All heavy atoms as atom14 arrays in JSON, in Angstrom:
{
  "sequence": "ELVALAKGMSPERDARQAAFFRAAGGSDALIEANIDLQ",
  "atom14_mask": [
    [1, 1, 1, 1, 1, 1, 1, 1, 1, 0, 0, 0, 0, 0],
    [1, 1, 1, 1, 1, 1, 1, 1, 0, 0, 0, 0, 0, 0],
    [1, 1, 1, 1, 1, 1, 1, 0, 0, 0, 0, 0, 0, 0],
    [1, 1, 1, 1, 1, 0, 0, 0, 0, 0, 0, 0, 0, 0],
    [1, 1, 1, 1, 1, 1, 1, 1, 0, 0, 0, 0, 0, 0],
    [1, 1, 1, 1, 1, 0, 0, 0, 0, 0, 0, 0, 0, 0],
    [1, 1, 1, 1, 1, 1, 1, 1, 1, 0, 0, 0, 0, 0],
    [1, 1, 1, 1, 0, 0, 0, 0, 0, 0, 0, 0, 0, 0],
    [1, 1, 1, 1, 1, 1, 1, 1, 0, 0, 0, 0, 0, 0],
    [1, 1, 1, 1, 1, 1, 0, 0, 0, 0, 0, 0, 0, 0],
    [1, 1, 1, 1, 1, 1, 1, 0, 0, 0, 0, 0, 0, 0],
    [1, 1, 1, 1, 1, 1, 1, 1, 1, 0, 0, 0, 0, 0],
    [1, 1, 1, 1, 1, 1, 1, 1, 1, 1, 1, 0, 0, 0],
    [1, 1, 1, 1, 1, 1, 1, 1, 0, 0, 0, 0, 0, 0],
    [1, 1, 1, 1, 1, 0, 0, 0, 0, 0, 0, 0, 0, 0],
    [1, 1, 1, 1, 1, 1, 1, 1, 1, 1, 1, 0, 0, 0],
    [1, 1, 1, 1, 1, 1, 1, 1, 1, 0, 0, 0, 0, 0],
    [1, 1, 1, 1, 1, 0, 0, 0, 0, 0, 0, 0, 0, 0],
    [1, 1, 1, 1, 1, 0, 0, 0, 0, 0, 0, 0, 0, 0],
    [1, 1, 1, 1, 1, 1, 1, 1, 1, 1, 1, 0, 0, 0],
    [1, 1, 1, 1, 1, 1, 1, 1, 1, 1, 1, 0, 0, 0],
    [1, 1, 1, 1, 1, 1, 1, 1, 1, 1, 1, 0, 0, 0],
    [1, 1, 1, 1, 1, 0, 0, 0, 0, 0, 0, 0, 0, 0],
    [1, 1, 1, 1, 1, 0, 0, 0, 0, 0, 0, 0, 0, 0],
    [1, 1, 1, 1, 0, 0, 0, 0, 0, 0, 0, 0, 0, 0],
    [1, 1, 1, 1, 0, 0, 0, 0, 0, 0, 0, 0, 0, 0],
    [1, 1, 1, 1, 1, 1, 0, 0, 0, 0, 0, 0, 0, 0],
    [1, 1, 1, 1, 1, 1, 1, 1, 0, 0, 0, 0, 0, 0],
    [1, 1, 1, 1, 1, 0, 0, 0, 0, 0, 0, 0, 0, 0],
    [1, 1, 1, 1, 1, 1, 1, 1, 0, 0, 0, 0, 0, 0],
    [1, 1, 1, 1, 1, 1, 1, 1, 0, 0, 0, 0, 0, 0],
    [1, 1, 1, 1, 1, 1, 1, 1, 1, 0, 0, 0, 0, 0],
    [1, 1, 1, 1, 1, 0, 0, 0, 0, 0, 0, 0, 0, 0],
    [1, 1, 1, 1, 1, 1, 1, 1, 0, 0, 0, 0, 0, 0],
    [1, 1, 1, 1, 1, 1, 1, 1, 0, 0, 0, 0, 0, 0],
    [1, 1, 1, 1, 1, 1, 1, 1, 0, 0, 0, 0, 0, 0],
    [1, 1, 1, 1, 1, 1, 1, 1, 0, 0, 0, 0, 0, 0],
    [1, 1, 1, 1, 1, 1, 1, 1, 1, 0, 0, 0, 0, 0]
  ],
  "atom14_positions": [
    [[29.13, -6.17, 9.18], [28.55, -6.48, 7.8], [29.25, -7.71, 7.29], [28.62, -8.5, 6.64], [28.87, -5.27, 6.97], [28.36, -5.36, 5.62], [26.87, -5.03, 5.51], [26.22, -4.72, 6.58], [26.31, -5.09, 4.36], [0.0, 0.0, 0.0], [0.0, 0.0, 0.0], [0.0, 0.0, 0.0], [0.0, 0.0, 0.0], [0.0, 0.0, 0.0]],
    [[30.61, -7.83, 7.39], [31.34, -9.04, 6.91], [30.79, -10.31, 7.53], [30.55, -11.23, 6.89], [32.78, -8.89, 7.03], [33.68, -9.98, 6.73], [33.45, -10.39, 5.27], [35.11, -9.78, 7.12], [0.0, 0.0, 0.0], [0.0, 0.0, 0.0], [0.0, 0.0, 0.0], [0.0, 0.0, 0.0], [0.0, 0.0, 0.0], [0.0, 0.0, 0.0]],
    [[30.7, -10.25, 8.87], [30.23, -11.43, 9.55], [28.81, -11.87, 9.1], [28.43, -12.96, 8.85], [30.37, -11.35, 11.1], [29.64, -12.46, 11.83], [31.85, -11.2, 11.5], [0.0, 0.0, 0.0], [0.0, 0.0, 0.0], [0.0, 0.0, 0.0], [0.0, 0.0, 0.0], [0.0, 0.0, 0.0], [0.0, 0.0, 0.0], [0.0, 0.0, 0.0]],
    [[27.93, -10.81, 9.0], [26.47, -11.09, 8.6], [26.52, -11.64, 7.15], [25.7, -12.55, 6.84], [25.7, -9.77, 8.6], [0.0, 0.0, 0.0], [0.0, 0.0, 0.0], [0.0, 0.0, 0.0], [0.0, 0.0, 0.0], [0.0, 0.0, 0.0], [0.0, 0.0, 0.0], [0.0, 0.0, 0.0], [0.0, 0.0, 0.0], [0.0, 0.0, 0.0]],
    [[27.27, -11.11, 6.23], [27.27, -11.55, 4.88], [27.85, -12.96, 4.8], [27.3, -13.84, 4.0], [28.18, -10.71, 4.01], [27.55, -9.21, 3.68], [28.59, -8.42, 3.0], [26.35, -9.4, 2.82], [0.0, 0.0, 0.0], [0.0, 0.0, 0.0], [0.0, 0.0, 0.0], [0.0, 0.0, 0.0], [0.0, 0.0, 0.0], [0.0, 0.0, 0.0]],
    [[28.83, -13.28, 5.63], [29.38, -14.69, 5.62], [28.39, -15.68, 6.12], [28.32, -16.78, 5.7], [30.65, -14.75, 6.43], [0.0, 0.0, 0.0], [0.0, 0.0, 0.0], [0.0, 0.0, 0.0], [0.0, 0.0, 0.0], [0.0, 0.0, 0.0], [0.0, 0.0, 0.0], [0.0, 0.0, 0.0], [0.0, 0.0, 0.0], [0.0, 0.0, 0.0]],
    [[27.53, -15.27, 7.11], [26.52, -16.13, 7.66], [25.51, -16.47, 6.69], [24.76, -17.42, 6.7], [25.92, -15.51, 8.92], [26.95, -15.59, 10.14], [26.2, -15.04, 11.38], [26.98, -15.07, 12.53], [26.4, -14.43, 13.77], [0.0, 0.0, 0.0], [0.0, 0.0, 0.0], [0.0, 0.0, 0.0], [0.0, 0.0, 0.0], [0.0, 0.0, 0.0]],
    [[25.2, -15.52, 5.83], [24.16, -15.58, 4.81], [22.72, -15.24, 5.39], [22.56, -14.73, 6.46], [0.0, 0.0, 0.0], [0.0, 0.0, 0.0], [0.0, 0.0, 0.0], [0.0, 0.0, 0.0], [0.0, 0.0, 0.0], [0.0, 0.0, 0.0], [0.0, 0.0, 0.0], [0.0, 0.0, 0.0], [0.0, 0.0, 0.0], [0.0, 0.0, 0.0]],
    [[21.73, -15.46, 4.62], [20.38, -14.94, 5.03], [19.77, -15.93, 5.99], [20.2, -17.09, 6.15], [19.61, -15.03, 3.75], [19.93, -13.94, 2.78], [19.92, -12.25, 3.24], [18.2, -11.9, 3.08], [0.0, 0.0, 0.0], [0.0, 0.0, 0.0], [0.0, 0.0, 0.0], [0.0, 0.0, 0.0], [0.0, 0.0, 0.0], [0.0, 0.0, 0.0]],
    [[18.91, -15.38, 6.72], [18.13, -16.18, 7.75], [16.64, -15.82, 7.5], [16.35, -14.84, 6.91], [18.55, -15.83, 9.16], [18.26, -14.49, 9.46], [0.0, 0.0, 0.0], [0.0, 0.0, 0.0], [0.0, 0.0, 0.0], [0.0, 0.0, 0.0], [0.0, 0.0, 0.0], [0.0, 0.0, 0.0], [0.0, 0.0, 0.0], [0.0, 0.0, 0.0]],
    [[15.7, -16.54, 8.08], [14.33, -16.1, 7.99], [14.08, -14.69, 8.52], [13.36, -13.98, 7.89], [13.58, -17.16, 8.81], [14.44, -18.35, 8.73], [15.89, -17.78, 8.81], [0.0, 0.0, 0.0], [0.0, 0.0, 0.0], [0.0, 0.0, 0.0], [0.0, 0.0, 0.0], [0.0, 0.0, 0.0], [0.0, 0.0, 0.0], [0.0, 0.0, 0.0]],
    [[14.78, -14.37, 9.59], [14.59, -12.99, 10.12], [15.09, -11.96, 9.12], [14.49, -10.88, 9.0], [15.29, -12.88, 11.49], [14.69, -13.82, 12.64], [15.23, -15.18, 12.53], [16.29, -15.48, 11.85], [14.57, -16.04, 13.16], [0.0, 0.0, 0.0], [0.0, 0.0, 0.0], [0.0, 0.0, 0.0], [0.0, 0.0, 0.0], [0.0, 0.0, 0.0]],
    [[16.29, -12.23, 8.59], [16.83, -11.22, 7.67], [16.04, -11.18, 6.33], [15.84, -10.09, 5.83], [18.32, -11.62, 7.37], [19.02, -10.5, 6.65], [20.49, -10.84, 6.57], [21.15, -9.76, 5.75], [22.37, -9.71, 5.42], [23.19, -10.69, 5.65], [22.85, -8.77, 4.68], [0.0, 0.0, 0.0], [0.0, 0.0, 0.0], [0.0, 0.0, 0.0]],
    [[15.44, -12.23, 5.89], [14.54, -12.34, 4.72], [13.36, -11.43, 5.01], [12.98, -10.59, 4.1], [14.13, -13.73, 4.43], [15.16, -14.63, 3.75], [16.2, -14.13, 3.32], [14.73, -15.83, 3.53], [0.0, 0.0, 0.0], [0.0, 0.0, 0.0], [0.0, 0.0, 0.0], [0.0, 0.0, 0.0], [0.0, 0.0, 0.0], [0.0, 0.0, 0.0]],
    [[12.77, -11.6, 6.17], [11.59, -10.8, 6.61], [11.89, -9.34, 6.67], [11.08, -8.54, 6.1], [10.97, -11.36, 7.86], [0.0, 0.0, 0.0], [0.0, 0.0, 0.0], [0.0, 0.0, 0.0], [0.0, 0.0, 0.0], [0.0, 0.0, 0.0], [0.0, 0.0, 0.0], [0.0, 0.0, 0.0], [0.0, 0.0, 0.0], [0.0, 0.0, 0.0]],
    [[13.04, -9.07, 7.24], [13.45, -7.54, 7.34], [13.65, -6.99, 5.94], [13.29, -5.83, 5.69], [14.7, -7.49, 8.21], [15.11, -6.02, 8.59], [16.22, -5.97, 9.54], [17.47, -6.74, 9.18], [18.03, -7.76, 9.83], [17.51, -8.09, 11.05], [19.18, -8.21, 9.41], [0.0, 0.0, 0.0], [0.0, 0.0, 0.0], [0.0, 0.0, 0.0]],
    [[14.37, -7.72, 5.12], [14.66, -7.22, 3.74], [13.26, -7.06, 2.99], [13.08, -6.08, 2.32], [15.51, -8.32, 2.85], [16.89, -8.24, 3.43], [17.61, -7.05, 2.9], [18.04, -6.21, 3.71], [17.93, -6.92, 1.67], [0.0, 0.0, 0.0], [0.0, 0.0, 0.0], [0.0, 0.0, 0.0], [0.0, 0.0, 0.0], [0.0, 0.0, 0.0]],
    [[12.39, -7.96, 3.08], [11.12, -7.9, 2.4], [10.35, -6.7, 2.85], [9.79, -5.92, 1.99], [10.34, -9.15, 2.59], [0.0, 0.0, 0.0], [0.0, 0.0, 0.0], [0.0, 0.0, 0.0], [0.0, 0.0, 0.0], [0.0, 0.0, 0.0], [0.0, 0.0, 0.0], [0.0, 0.0, 0.0], [0.0, 0.0, 0.0], [0.0, 0.0, 0.0]],
    [[10.21, -6.48, 4.18], [9.5, -5.36, 4.72], [10.18, -4.01, 4.29], [9.43, -3.07, 3.95], [9.47, -5.46, 6.21], [0.0, 0.0, 0.0], [0.0, 0.0, 0.0], [0.0, 0.0, 0.0], [0.0, 0.0, 0.0], [0.0, 0.0, 0.0], [0.0, 0.0, 0.0], [0.0, 0.0, 0.0], [0.0, 0.0, 0.0], [0.0, 0.0, 0.0]],
    [[11.44, -4.02, 4.2], [12.2, -2.87, 3.9], [11.86, -2.43, 2.42], [11.53, -1.31, 2.09], [13.63, -3.02, 3.98], [14.58, -1.91, 3.58], [14.68, -0.79, 4.28], [15.32, -2.07, 2.52], [15.53, 0.34, 3.93], [16.25, -0.96, 2.05], [16.14, 0.2, 2.79], [0.0, 0.0, 0.0], [0.0, 0.0, 0.0], [0.0, 0.0, 0.0]],
    [[11.84, -3.34, 1.47], [11.61, -3.16, 0.06], [10.17, -2.83, -0.16], [9.84, -2.07, -1.04], [12.21, -4.17, -0.79], [13.73, -4.05, -0.91], [14.53, -4.91, -0.3], [14.22, -3.02, -1.78], [15.97, -4.68, -0.36], [15.62, -2.91, -1.96], [16.5, -3.7, -1.23], [0.0, 0.0, 0.0], [0.0, 0.0, 0.0], [0.0, 0.0, 0.0]],
    [[9.33, -3.52, 0.59], [7.85, -3.38, 0.43], [7.52, -1.89, 0.87], [6.61, -1.24, 0.15], [7.02, -4.4, 1.19], [5.58, -4.39, 1.03], [4.87, -5.65, 1.55], [5.3, -6.77, 0.8], [6.04, -7.8, 1.24], [6.49, -7.85, 2.46], [6.28, -8.87, 0.5], [0.0, 0.0, 0.0], [0.0, 0.0, 0.0], [0.0, 0.0, 0.0]],
    [[8.04, -1.43, 1.9], [7.84, -0.03, 2.36], [8.37, 0.94, 1.36], [7.81, 2.1, 1.31], [8.57, 0.19, 3.71], [0.0, 0.0, 0.0], [0.0, 0.0, 0.0], [0.0, 0.0, 0.0], [0.0, 0.0, 0.0], [0.0, 0.0, 0.0], [0.0, 0.0, 0.0], [0.0, 0.0, 0.0], [0.0, 0.0, 0.0], [0.0, 0.0, 0.0]],
    [[9.35, 0.63, 0.53], [9.8, 1.57, -0.51], [9.03, 1.3, -1.79], [9.28, 1.93, -2.82], [11.25, 1.22, -0.78], [0.0, 0.0, 0.0], [0.0, 0.0, 0.0], [0.0, 0.0, 0.0], [0.0, 0.0, 0.0], [0.0, 0.0, 0.0], [0.0, 0.0, 0.0], [0.0, 0.0, 0.0], [0.0, 0.0, 0.0], [0.0, 0.0, 0.0]],
    [[7.94, 0.47, -1.77], [7.13, 0.32, -3.02], [7.67, -0.83, -3.87], [7.08, -0.91, -4.99], [0.0, 0.0, 0.0], [0.0, 0.0, 0.0], [0.0, 0.0, 0.0], [0.0, 0.0, 0.0], [0.0, 0.0, 0.0], [0.0, 0.0, 0.0], [0.0, 0.0, 0.0], [0.0, 0.0, 0.0], [0.0, 0.0, 0.0], [0.0, 0.0, 0.0]],
    [[8.54, -1.73, -3.48], [8.9, -2.81, -4.36], [7.78, -3.79, -4.59], [7.02, -4.11, -3.68], [0.0, 0.0, 0.0], [0.0, 0.0, 0.0], [0.0, 0.0, 0.0], [0.0, 0.0, 0.0], [0.0, 0.0, 0.0], [0.0, 0.0, 0.0], [0.0, 0.0, 0.0], [0.0, 0.0, 0.0], [0.0, 0.0, 0.0], [0.0, 0.0, 0.0]],
    [[7.73, -4.27, -5.75], [6.81, -5.35, -6.12], [7.28, -6.72, -5.58], [8.43, -6.86, -5.14], [6.71, -5.41, -7.7], [8.02, -5.96, -8.24], [0.0, 0.0, 0.0], [0.0, 0.0, 0.0], [0.0, 0.0, 0.0], [0.0, 0.0, 0.0], [0.0, 0.0, 0.0], [0.0, 0.0, 0.0], [0.0, 0.0, 0.0], [0.0, 0.0, 0.0]],
    [[6.49, -7.61, -5.45], [6.76, -8.96, -4.99], [7.89, -9.56, -5.75], [8.77, -10.14, -5.16], [5.45, -9.9, -4.93], [4.46, -9.5, -3.94], [4.88, -8.69, -2.99], [3.36, -9.91, -4.05], [0.0, 0.0, 0.0], [0.0, 0.0, 0.0], [0.0, 0.0, 0.0], [0.0, 0.0, 0.0], [0.0, 0.0, 0.0], [0.0, 0.0, 0.0]],
    [[7.79, -9.4, -7.12], [8.91, -9.97, -7.91], [10.23, -9.25, -7.71], [11.32, -10.04, -7.64], [8.55, -9.8, -9.43], [0.0, 0.0, 0.0], [0.0, 0.0, 0.0], [0.0, 0.0, 0.0], [0.0, 0.0, 0.0], [0.0, 0.0, 0.0], [0.0, 0.0, 0.0], [0.0, 0.0, 0.0], [0.0, 0.0, 0.0], [0.0, 0.0, 0.0]],
    [[10.25, -8.02, -7.45], [11.56, -7.23, -7.13], [12.04, -7.69, -5.85], [13.26, -7.94, -5.63], [11.21, -5.79, -7.16], [12.57, -4.92, -6.88], [13.58, -5.1, -7.88], [12.1, -3.45, -6.65], [0.0, 0.0, 0.0], [0.0, 0.0, 0.0], [0.0, 0.0, 0.0], [0.0, 0.0, 0.0], [0.0, 0.0, 0.0], [0.0, 0.0, 0.0]],
    [[11.13, -7.82, -4.84], [11.52, -8.25, -3.51], [12.05, -9.59, -3.49], [13.19, -9.88, -2.91], [10.29, -8.14, -2.57], [9.95, -6.67, -2.38], [10.66, -8.86, -1.25], [8.58, -6.51, -1.64], [0.0, 0.0, 0.0], [0.0, 0.0, 0.0], [0.0, 0.0, 0.0], [0.0, 0.0, 0.0], [0.0, 0.0, 0.0], [0.0, 0.0, 0.0]],
    [[11.47, -10.54, -4.23], [12.03, -11.92, -4.24], [13.34, -11.96, -5.03], [14.29, -12.67, -4.54], [11.01, -12.92, -4.96], [11.44, -14.33, -4.92], [11.58, -14.92, -3.45], [10.8, -14.48, -2.64], [12.46, -15.72, -3.26], [0.0, 0.0, 0.0], [0.0, 0.0, 0.0], [0.0, 0.0, 0.0], [0.0, 0.0, 0.0], [0.0, 0.0, 0.0]],
    [[13.53, -11.21, -6.08], [14.78, -11.09, -6.81], [15.89, -10.59, -5.91], [17.06, -11.09, -5.97], [14.66, -10.35, -8.14], [0.0, 0.0, 0.0], [0.0, 0.0, 0.0], [0.0, 0.0, 0.0], [0.0, 0.0, 0.0], [0.0, 0.0, 0.0], [0.0, 0.0, 0.0], [0.0, 0.0, 0.0], [0.0, 0.0, 0.0], [0.0, 0.0, 0.0]],
    [[15.56, -9.54, -5.19], [16.62, -9.04, -4.14], [16.99, -9.93, -3.08], [18.2, -10.04, -2.83], [15.93, -7.62, -3.65], [17.01, -7.08, -2.53], [17.04, -7.48, -1.44], [17.85, -6.22, -3.15], [0.0, 0.0, 0.0], [0.0, 0.0, 0.0], [0.0, 0.0, 0.0], [0.0, 0.0, 0.0], [0.0, 0.0, 0.0], [0.0, 0.0, 0.0]],
    [[16.0, -10.66, -2.55], [16.33, -11.66, -1.58], [17.18, -12.81, -2.1], [18.07, -13.22, -1.48], [15.08, -12.22, -0.82], [14.46, -10.99, 0.05], [15.35, -13.39, 0.01], [13.07, -11.29, 0.68], [0.0, 0.0, 0.0], [0.0, 0.0, 0.0], [0.0, 0.0, 0.0], [0.0, 0.0, 0.0], [0.0, 0.0, 0.0], [0.0, 0.0, 0.0]],
    [[16.86, -13.16, -3.26], [17.67, -14.22, -3.9], [19.16, -13.75, -4.09], [20.03, -14.47, -3.93], [17.12, -14.68, -5.28], [15.93, -15.49, -5.17], [15.6, -16.02, -4.15], [15.17, -15.55, -6.24], [0.0, 0.0, 0.0], [0.0, 0.0, 0.0], [0.0, 0.0, 0.0], [0.0, 0.0, 0.0], [0.0, 0.0, 0.0], [0.0, 0.0, 0.0]],
    [[19.36, -12.5, -4.53], [20.69, -11.89, -4.65], [21.34, -11.88, -3.35], [22.45, -12.25, -3.22], [20.5, -10.5, -5.22], [21.91, -9.73, -5.42], [22.84, -10.45, -6.45], [21.55, -8.3, -5.95], [0.0, 0.0, 0.0], [0.0, 0.0, 0.0], [0.0, 0.0, 0.0], [0.0, 0.0, 0.0], [0.0, 0.0, 0.0], [0.0, 0.0, 0.0]],
    [[20.69, -11.41, -2.32], [21.23, -11.32, -0.97], [21.64, -12.7, -0.53], [22.78, -12.85, 0.11], [20.23, -10.77, 0.04], [19.86, -9.26, -0.19], [21.01, -8.39, 0.2], [21.7, -8.6, 1.13], [21.09, -7.3, -0.57], [0.0, 0.0, 0.0], [0.0, 0.0, 0.0], [0.0, 0.0, 0.0], [0.0, 0.0, 0.0], [0.0, 0.0, 0.0]]
  ]
}
């Protein structure tokens, strides 16, 4: 987790995060805000 956080986001991680939150019913705005935070 520490190494992944230090590396930051990648296109693959962005896509995984977006799919995860979309499957949970997240709106596009919520998904984008979460990815920005990540």
